[in-house]
């Protein structure tokens, strides 16, 4: 009786261990060693406890012409909500990476970083370094999930002061614009002069006032002196 109970407990423990190993990995293409899968699961569980992020590995022999995201949803029981999925389609020899929008906004895992991870995984897998590529990819994911987004300032760091805006320079004026400016100035000066500076009128002529000056008197010329006649 005791031996049967012990055997049942051992079987139950093995089943629980196997279930735990499948928490974050589905290696249906059988490309990774049990040791690599175990380490991946342990590190994924640590990330879930510390950062509340899920990291999954899914490999399939083929998607059978299905959309890979639909296949991922079948494995996860729904769409990815808070984490990262590494999906490998062995038939197409393609490595896909899925990161939900919430994770993209919360950590430094934007599209360029995702592309960098895909290229690194593809290069290692192309060299048949499956275990090494998987664990290196997990290291990349751990660093990305632990980093704040690039746009956010680190706590305690000084807030960068934006540079002062450059002084705007006036654009060069065209000949037509100069003509308009001069015309407006000339019109303004003409109006100002006509209102505040009336033209001076010339003094009226004497005939207009009625005061005619007297004509000068004509003085007759004196007669010329006649010389005396000489004596005879």
C-alpha atoms as a PDB file:
ATOM      1  CA  UNK A   1       0.000   0.000   0.000  1.00  0.00           C
ATOM      2  CA  UNK A   2       2.790   2.428   0.893  1.00  0.00           C
ATOM      3  CA  UNK A   3       4.729   1.634  -2.280  1.00  0.00           C
ATOM      4  CA  UNK A   4       1.679   2.319  -4.423  1.00  0.00           C
ATOM      5  CA  UNK A   5       1.113   5.660  -2.717  1.00  0.00           C
ATOM      6  CA  UNK A   6       4.748   6.607  -3.209  1.00  0.00           C
ATOM      7  CA  UNK A   7       4.559   5.655  -6.882  1.00  0.00           C
ATOM      8  CA  UNK A   8       1.419   7.760  -7.315  1.00  0.00           C
ATOM      9  CA  UNK A   9       3.094  10.763  -5.716  1.00  0.00           C
ATOM     10  CA  UNK A  10       6.108  10.379  -7.995  1.00  0.00           C
ATOM     11  CA  UNK A  11       3.888  10.191 -11.062  1.00  0.00           C
ATOM     12  CA  UNK A  12       1.950  13.252  -9.902  1.00  0.00           C
ATOM     13  CA  UNK A  13       5.193  15.128  -9.353  1.00  0.00           C
ATOM     14  CA  UNK A  14       6.405  14.242 -12.826  1.00  0.00           C
ATOM     15  CA  UNK A  15       3.142  15.383 -14.359  1.00  0.00           C
ATOM     16  CA  UNK A  16       3.323  18.690 -12.502  1.00  0.00           C
ATOM     17  CA  UNK A  17       6.923  19.143 -13.610  1.00  0.00           C
ATOM     18  CA  UNK A  18       5.995  18.421 -17.210  1.00  0.00           C
ATOM     19  CA  UNK A  19       3.089  20.835 -16.998  1.00  0.00           C
ATOM     20  CA  UNK A  20       5.391  23.493 -15.576  1.00  0.00           C
ATOM     21  CA  UNK A  21       7.839  22.910 -18.420  1.00  0.00           C
ATOM     22  CA  UNK A  22       5.062  23.609 -20.916  1.00  0.00           C
ATOM     23  CA  UNK A  23       4.014  26.858 -19.247  1.00  0.00           C
ATOM     24  CA  UNK A  24       5.993  29.068 -21.621  1.00  0.00           C
ATOM     25  CA  UNK A  25       7.256  26.742 -24.361  1.00  0.00           C
ATOM     26  CA  UNK A  26       5.661  24.622 -27.085  1.00  0.00           C
ATOM     27  CA  UNK A  27       8.478  23.057 -29.079  1.00  0.00           C
ATOM     28  CA  UNK A  28       6.349  21.022 -31.466  1.00  0.00           C
ATOM     29  CA  UNK A  29       9.101  21.196 -34.103  1.00  0.00           C
ATOM     30  CA  UNK A  30      11.549  19.574 -31.643  1.00  0.00           C
ATOM     31  CA  UNK A  31      14.450  21.929 -32.320  1.00  0.00           C
ATOM     32  CA  UNK A  32      15.655  22.641 -28.774  1.00  0.00           C
ATOM     33  CA  UNK A  33      17.186  20.463 -26.086  1.00  0.00           C
ATOM     34  CA  UNK A  34      15.285  19.787 -22.843  1.00  0.00           C
ATOM     35  CA  UNK A  35      17.946  21.704 -20.915  1.00  0.00           C
ATOM     36  CA  UNK A  36      17.533  24.822 -23.044  1.00  0.00           C
ATOM     37  CA  UNK A  37      13.755  24.633 -22.770  1.00  0.00           C
ATOM     38  CA  UNK A  38      13.952  24.217 -19.000  1.00  0.00           C
ATOM     39  CA  UNK A  39      16.219  27.247 -18.624  1.00  0.00           C
ATOM     40  CA  UNK A  40      13.959  29.279 -20.912  1.00  0.00           C
ATOM     41  CA  UNK A  41      10.934  28.375 -18.797  1.00  0.00           C
ATOM     42  CA  UNK A  42      12.669  29.212 -15.540  1.00  0.00           C
ATOM     43  CA  UNK A  43      13.762  32.621 -16.795  1.00  0.00           C
ATOM     44  CA  UNK A  44      10.326  33.284 -18.274  1.00  0.00           C
ATOM     45  CA  UNK A  45       8.692  32.485 -14.929  1.00  0.00           C
ATOM     46  CA  UNK A  46      11.125  34.829 -13.172  1.00  0.00           C
ATOM     47  CA  UNK A  47      10.184  37.629 -15.591  1.00  0.00           C
ATOM     48  CA  UNK A  48       6.509  36.991 -14.978  1.00  0.00           C
ATOM     49  CA  UNK A  49       6.977  37.253 -11.206  1.00  0.00           C
ATOM     50  CA  UNK A  50       9.266  40.305 -11.241  1.00  0.00           C
ATOM     51  CA  UNK A  51       7.962  42.342 -14.191  1.00  0.00           C
ATOM     52  CA  UNK A  52       4.509  40.777 -14.763  1.00  0.00           C
ATOM     53  CA  UNK A  53       5.426  40.080 -18.389  1.00  0.00           C
ATOM     54  CA  UNK A  54       4.938  36.790 -20.221  1.00  0.00           C
ATOM     55  CA  UNK A  55       7.512  35.377 -22.638  1.00  0.00           C
ATOM     56  CA  UNK A  56       6.605  32.393 -24.828  1.00  0.00           C
ATOM     57  CA  UNK A  57       8.360  30.148 -27.320  1.00  0.00           C
ATOM     58  CA  UNK A  58       6.322  28.340 -29.979  1.00  0.00           C
ATOM     59  CA  UNK A  59       7.744  26.173 -32.764  1.00  0.00           C
ATOM     60  CA  UNK A  60       5.649  24.336 -35.341  1.00  0.00           C
ATOM     61  CA  UNK A  61       6.609  22.081 -38.252  1.00  0.00           C
ATOM     62  CA  UNK A  62       4.242  24.105 -40.450  1.00  0.00           C
ATOM     63  CA  UNK A  63       1.400  26.607 -40.146  1.00  0.00           C
ATOM     64  CA  UNK A  64      -0.469  24.813 -42.962  1.00  0.00           C
ATOM     65  CA  UNK A  65      -1.060  28.114 -44.750  1.00  0.00           C
ATOM     66  CA  UNK A  66      -2.637  29.662 -41.669  1.00  0.00           C
ATOM     67  CA  UNK A  67      -1.764  33.108 -40.422  1.00  0.00           C
ATOM     68  CA  UNK A  68       0.983  32.716 -37.835  1.00  0.00           C
ATOM     69  CA  UNK A  69      -0.710  35.114 -35.435  1.00  0.00           C
ATOM     70  CA  UNK A  70      -3.835  32.959 -35.540  1.00  0.00           C
ATOM     71  CA  UNK A  71      -1.694  29.935 -34.707  1.00  0.00           C
ATOM     72  CA  UNK A  72      -0.165  31.807 -31.767  1.00  0.00           C
ATOM     73  CA  UNK A  73      -3.653  32.678 -30.505  1.00  0.00           C
ATOM     74  CA  UNK A  74      -4.573  28.980 -30.602  1.00  0.00           C
ATOM     75  CA  UNK A  75      -1.607  28.068 -28.419  1.00  0.00           C
ATOM     76  CA  UNK A  76      -2.169  30.919 -25.968  1.00  0.00           C
ATOM     77  CA  UNK A  77      -5.935  30.570 -25.856  1.00  0.00           C
ATOM     78  CA  UNK A  78      -6.350  34.106 -27.193  1.00  0.00           C
ATOM     79  CA  UNK A  79      -4.346  37.072 -28.466  1.00  0.00           C
ATOM     80  CA  UNK A  80      -1.120  38.118 -26.779  1.00  0.00           C
ATOM     81  CA  UNK A  81      -1.917  40.671 -24.088  1.00  0.00           C
ATOM     82  CA  UNK A  82       1.187  41.460 -22.070  1.00  0.00           C
ATOM     83  CA  UNK A  83       4.475  40.099 -23.268  1.00  0.00           C
ATOM     84  CA  UNK A  84       6.557  38.609 -26.061  1.00  0.00           C
ATOM     85  CA  UNK A  85       6.195  35.560 -28.301  1.00  0.00           C
ATOM     86  CA  UNK A  86       8.976  33.953 -30.332  1.00  0.00           C
ATOM     87  CA  UNK A  87       7.307  31.921 -33.078  1.00  0.00           C
ATOM     88  CA  UNK A  88       9.254  29.650 -35.470  1.00  0.00           C
ATOM     89  CA  UNK A  89       7.713  28.154 -38.601  1.00  0.00           C
ATOM     90  CA  UNK A  90      10.086  25.374 -39.683  1.00  0.00           C
ATOM     91  CA  UNK A  91       8.368  24.782 -43.026  1.00  0.00           C
ATOM     92  CA  UNK A  92       8.821  28.426 -44.070  1.00  0.00           C
ATOM     93  CA  UNK A  93      12.099  28.681 -42.099  1.00  0.00           C
ATOM     94  CA  UNK A  94      10.935  32.002 -40.686  1.00  0.00           C
ATOM     95  CA  UNK A  95      11.227  33.354 -37.167  1.00  0.00           C
ATOM     96  CA  UNK A  96       8.446  35.708 -36.121  1.00  0.00           C
ATOM     97  CA  UNK A  97       8.305  37.982 -33.100  1.00  0.00           C
ATOM     98  CA  UNK A  98       5.149  39.349 -31.513  1.00  0.00           C
ATOM     99  CA  UNK A  99       5.103  42.120 -28.915  1.00  0.00           C
ATOM    100  CA  UNK A 100       1.834  43.560 -27.688  1.00  0.00           C
ATOM    101  CA  UNK A 101       1.211  47.300 -27.834  1.00  0.00           C
ATOM    102  CA  UNK A 102       1.166  47.735 -24.057  1.00  0.00           C
ATOM    103  CA  UNK A 103       4.652  46.254 -23.744  1.00  0.00           C
ATOM    104  CA  UNK A 104       5.925  48.440 -26.594  1.00  0.00           C
ATOM    105  CA  UNK A 105       4.730  51.549 -24.730  1.00  0.00           C
ATOM    106  CA  UNK A 106       5.976  50.508 -21.281  1.00  0.00           C
ATOM    107  CA  UNK A 107       9.505  49.312 -22.058  1.00  0.00           C
ATOM    108  CA  UNK A 108      12.302  49.819 -24.575  1.00  0.00           C
ATOM    109  CA  UNK A 109      10.993  47.279 -27.077  1.00  0.00           C
ATOM    110  CA  UNK A 110       9.958  49.296 -30.111  1.00  0.00           C
ATOM    111  CA  UNK A 111       9.958  48.139 -33.725  1.00  0.00           C
ATOM    112  CA  UNK A 112      13.710  48.695 -34.345  1.00  0.00           C
ATOM    113  CA  UNK A 113      14.557  46.656 -31.241  1.00  0.00           C
ATOM    114  CA  UNK A 114      12.218  43.868 -32.357  1.00  0.00           C
ATOM    115  CA  UNK A 115      13.881  43.813 -35.772  1.00  0.00           C
ATOM    116  CA  UNK A 116      17.279  43.585 -34.085  1.00  0.00           C
ATOM    117  CA  UNK A 117      16.158  40.560 -32.060  1.00  0.00           C
ATOM    118  CA  UNK A 118      14.680  38.797 -35.108  1.00  0.00           C
ATOM    119  CA  UNK A 119      17.915  39.262 -37.056  1.00  0.00           C
ATOM    120  CA  UNK A 120      19.979  37.934 -34.178  1.00  0.00           C
ATOM    121  CA  UNK A 121      17.773  34.837 -33.769  1.00  0.00           C
ATOM    122  CA  UNK A 122      17.720  34.154 -37.507  1.00  0.00           C
ATOM    123  CA  UNK A 123      21.520  34.380 -37.713  1.00  0.00           C
ATOM    124  CA  UNK A 124      22.046  31.929 -34.822  1.00  0.00           C
ATOM    125  CA  UNK A 125      19.390  29.509 -36.053  1.00  0.00           C
ATOM    126  CA  UNK A 126      20.842  29.618 -39.563  1.00  0.00           C
ATOM    127  CA  UNK A 127      24.100  28.346 -38.041  1.00  0.00           C
ATOM    128  CA  UNK A 128      22.154  25.517 -36.308  1.00  0.00           C
ATOM    129  CA  UNK A 129      22.931  27.098 -32.952  1.00  0.00           C
ATOM    130  CA  UNK A 130      19.395  26.573 -31.724  1.00  0.00           C
ATOM    131  CA  UNK A 131      19.987  26.402 -27.979  1.00  0.00           C
ATOM    132  CA  UNK A 132      22.533  29.208 -27.973  1.00  0.00           C
ATOM    133  CA  UNK A 133      20.317  31.437 -30.101  1.00  0.00           C
ATOM    134  CA  UNK A 134      17.277  30.803 -27.912  1.00  0.00           C
ATOM    135  CA  UNK A 135      19.058  31.646 -24.664  1.00  0.00           C
ATOM    136  CA  UNK A 136      20.761  34.675 -26.227  1.00  0.00           C
ATOM    137  CA  UNK A 137      17.337  35.815 -27.381  1.00  0.00           C
ATOM    138  CA  UNK A 138      16.001  35.413 -23.849  1.00  0.00           C
ATOM    139  CA  UNK A 139      18.856  37.592 -22.559  1.00  0.00           C
ATOM    140  CA  UNK A 140      17.923  40.239 -25.121  1.00  0.00           C
ATOM    141  CA  UNK A 141      14.276  40.077 -24.030  1.00  0.00           C
ATOM    142  CA  UNK A 142      15.193  40.331 -20.340  1.00  0.00           C
ATOM    143  CA  UNK A 143      17.219  43.499 -20.925  1.00  0.00           C
ATOM    144  CA  UNK A 144      14.522  45.045 -23.110  1.00  0.00           C
ATOM    145  CA  UNK A 145      11.722  44.347 -20.637  1.00  0.00           C
ATOM    146  CA  UNK A 146      13.773  45.770 -17.769  1.00  0.00           C
ATOM    147  CA  UNK A 147      14.558  48.999 -19.630  1.00  0.00           C
ATOM    148  CA  UNK A 148      12.272  52.041 -19.659  1.00  0.00           C
ATOM    149  CA  UNK A 149      11.160  53.357 -23.032  1.00  0.00           C
ATOM    150  CA  UNK A 150      13.757  55.436 -24.825  1.00  0.00           C
ATOM    151  CA  UNK A 151      11.501  58.506 -24.782  1.00  0.00           C
ATOM    152  CA  UNK A 152      11.133  58.524 -20.982  1.00  0.00           C
ATOM    153  CA  UNK A 153      13.700  60.212 -18.757  1.00  0.00           C
ATOM    154  CA  UNK A 154      15.295  58.096 -16.065  1.00  0.00           C
ATOM    155  CA  UNK A 155      14.171  58.847 -12.527  1.00  0.00           C
ATOM    156  CA  UNK A 156      16.535  61.197 -10.785  1.00  0.00           C
ATOM    157  CA  UNK A 157      18.292  62.291 -13.942  1.00  0.00           C
ATOM    158  CA  UNK A 158      18.140  65.978 -14.808  1.00  0.00           C
ATOM    159  CA  UNK A 159      15.471  66.916 -17.243  1.00  0.00           C
ATOM    160  CA  UNK A 160      17.127  68.062 -20.455  1.00  0.00           C
ATOM    161  CA  UNK A 161      16.627  71.718 -21.201  1.00  0.00           C
ATOM    162  CA  UNK A 162      15.351  72.275 -24.702  1.00  0.00           C
ATOM    163  CA  UNK A 163      17.578  74.499 -26.814  1.00  0.00           C
ATOM    164  CA  UNK A 164      16.551  78.071 -27.309  1.00  0.00           C
ATOM    165  CA  UNK A 165      14.805  78.607 -30.597  1.00  0.00           C
ATOM    166  CA  UNK A 166      16.925  80.219 -33.245  1.00  0.00           C
ATOM    167  CA  UNK A 167      16.089  83.799 -34.111  1.00  0.00           C
ATOM    168  CA  UNK A 168      14.036  83.917 -37.217  1.00  0.00           C
ATOM    169  CA  UNK A 169      15.478  85.968 -40.023  1.00  0.00           C
ATOM    170  CA  UNK A 170      13.248  88.034 -42.252  1.00  0.00           C
ATOM    171  CA  UNK A 171      13.041  86.752 -45.810  1.00  0.00           C
ATOM    172  CA  UNK A 172      14.430  88.899 -48.582  1.00  0.00           C
ATOM    173  CA  UNK A 173      11.887  91.254 -50.097  1.00  0.00           C
ATOM    174  CA  UNK A 174      11.146  91.221 -53.786  1.00  0.00           C
ATOM    175  CA  UNK A 175      11.120  94.305 -55.984  1.00  0.00           C
ATOM    176  CA  UNK A 176       7.325  94.292 -56.029  1.00  0.00           C
ATOM    177  CA  UNK A 177       7.173  94.181 -52.231  1.00  0.00           C
ATOM    178  CA  UNK A 178       9.596  97.104 -51.990  1.00  0.00           C
ATOM    179  CA  UNK A 179       7.417  99.033 -54.487  1.00  0.00           C
ATOM    180  CA  UNK A 180       4.328  98.411 -52.344  1.00  0.00           C
ATOM    181  CA  UNK A 181       6.122  99.518 -49.183  1.00  0.00           C
ATOM    182  CA  UNK A 182       7.393 102.726 -50.796  1.00  0.00           C
ATOM    183  CA  UNK A 183       3.958 103.457 -52.284  1.00  0.00           C
ATOM    184  CA  UNK A 184       2.288 103.084 -48.896  1.00  0.00           C
ATOM    185  CA  UNK A 185       4.910 105.307 -47.252  1.00  0.00           C
ATOM    186  CA  UNK A 186       4.518 107.960 -49.926  1.00  0.00           C
ATOM    187  CA  UNK A 187       0.733 107.927 -49.645  1.00  0.00           C
ATOM    188  CA  UNK A 188       0.946 108.189 -45.857  1.00  0.00           C
ATOM    189  CA  UNK A 189       3.356 111.108 -46.053  1.00  0.00           C
ATOM    190  CA  UNK A 190       1.137 112.885 -48.565  1.00  0.00           C
ATOM    191  CA  UNK A 191      -1.924 112.544 -46.326  1.00  0.00           C
ATOM    192  CA  UNK A 192       0.024 113.670 -43.261  1.00  0.00           C
ATOM    193  CA  UNK A 193       1.398 116.731 -45.056  1.00  0.00           C
ATOM    194  CA  UNK A 194      -2.010 117.730 -46.421  1.00  0.00           C
ATOM    195  CA  UNK A 195      -3.620 117.517 -42.959  1.00  0.00           C
ATOM    196  CA  UNK A 196      -0.957 118.858 -40.631  1.00  0.00           C
ATOM    197  CA  UNK A 197       1.225 120.899 -42.985  1.00  0.00           C
ATOM    198  CA  UNK A 198      -1.029 123.010 -45.295  1.00  0.00           C
ATOM    199  CA  UNK A 199       0.819 124.784 -48.109  1.00  0.00           C
ATOM    200  CA  UNK A 200       1.730 128.450 -47.557  1.00  0.00           C
ATOM    201  CA  UNK A 201      -0.282 130.897 -49.731  1.00  0.00           C
ATOM    202  CA  UNK A 202       1.699 133.650 -51.564  1.00  0.00           C
ATOM    203  CA  UNK A 203       1.051 137.287 -50.430  1.00  0.00           C
ATOM    204  CA  UNK A 204      -1.851 138.943 -52.330  1.00  0.00           C
ATOM    205  CA  UNK A 205      -1.065 141.333 -55.147  1.00  0.00           C
ATOM    206  CA  UNK A 206      -1.486 145.068 -54.564  1.00  0.00           C
ATOM    207  CA  UNK A 207      -4.272 145.362 -57.118  1.00  0.00           C
ATOM    208  CA  UNK A 208      -6.254 142.769 -55.208  1.00  0.00           C
ATOM    209  CA  UNK A 209      -6.136 144.801 -51.964  1.00  0.00           C
ATOM    210  CA  UNK A 210      -7.199 148.145 -53.585  1.00  0.00           C
ATOM    211  CA  UNK A 211      -4.178 150.075 -52.322  1.00  0.00           C
ATOM    212  CA  UNK A 212      -2.602 151.372 -55.507  1.00  0.00           C
ATOM    213  CA  UNK A 213       0.620 153.223 -54.811  1.00  0.00           C
ATOM    214  CA  UNK A 214       0.797 156.804 -56.263  1.00  0.00           C
ATOM    215  CA  UNK A 215       2.631 157.280 -59.476  1.00  0.00           C
ATOM    216  CA  UNK A 216       5.923 159.101 -59.099  1.00  0.00           C
ATOM    217  CA  UNK A 217       5.907 162.827 -60.067  1.00  0.00           C
ATOM    218  CA  UNK A 218       7.549 163.707 -63.340  1.00  0.00           C
ATOM    219  CA  UNK A 219      10.194 166.370 -62.852  1.00  0.00           C
ATOM    220  CA  UNK A 220      10.867 168.324 -66.057  1.00  0.00           C
ATOM    221  CA  UNK A 221      14.488 168.606 -67.004  1.00  0.00           C
ATOM    222  CA  UNK A 222      16.216 171.937 -66.349  1.00  0.00           C
ATOM    223  CA  UNK A 223      16.920 174.053 -69.502  1.00  0.00           C
ATOM    224  CA  UNK A 224      20.420 174.031 -70.668  1.00  0.00           C
ATOM    225  CA  UNK A 225      22.381 177.225 -70.053  1.00  0.00           C
ATOM    226  CA  UNK A 226      22.921 179.414 -73.232  1.00  0.00           C
ATOM    227  CA  UNK A 227      26.381 180.804 -73.440  1.00  0.00           C
ATOM    228  CA  UNK A 228      26.758 184.624 -73.788  1.00  0.00           C
ATOM    229  CA  UNK A 229      27.426 186.027 -77.277  1.00  0.00           C
ATOM    230  CA  UNK A 230      30.948 187.293 -77.796  1.00  0.00           C
ATOM    231  CA  UNK A 231      31.344 191.137 -78.106  1.00  0.00           C
ATOM    232  CA  UNK A 232      31.436 192.552 -81.596  1.00  0.00           C
END
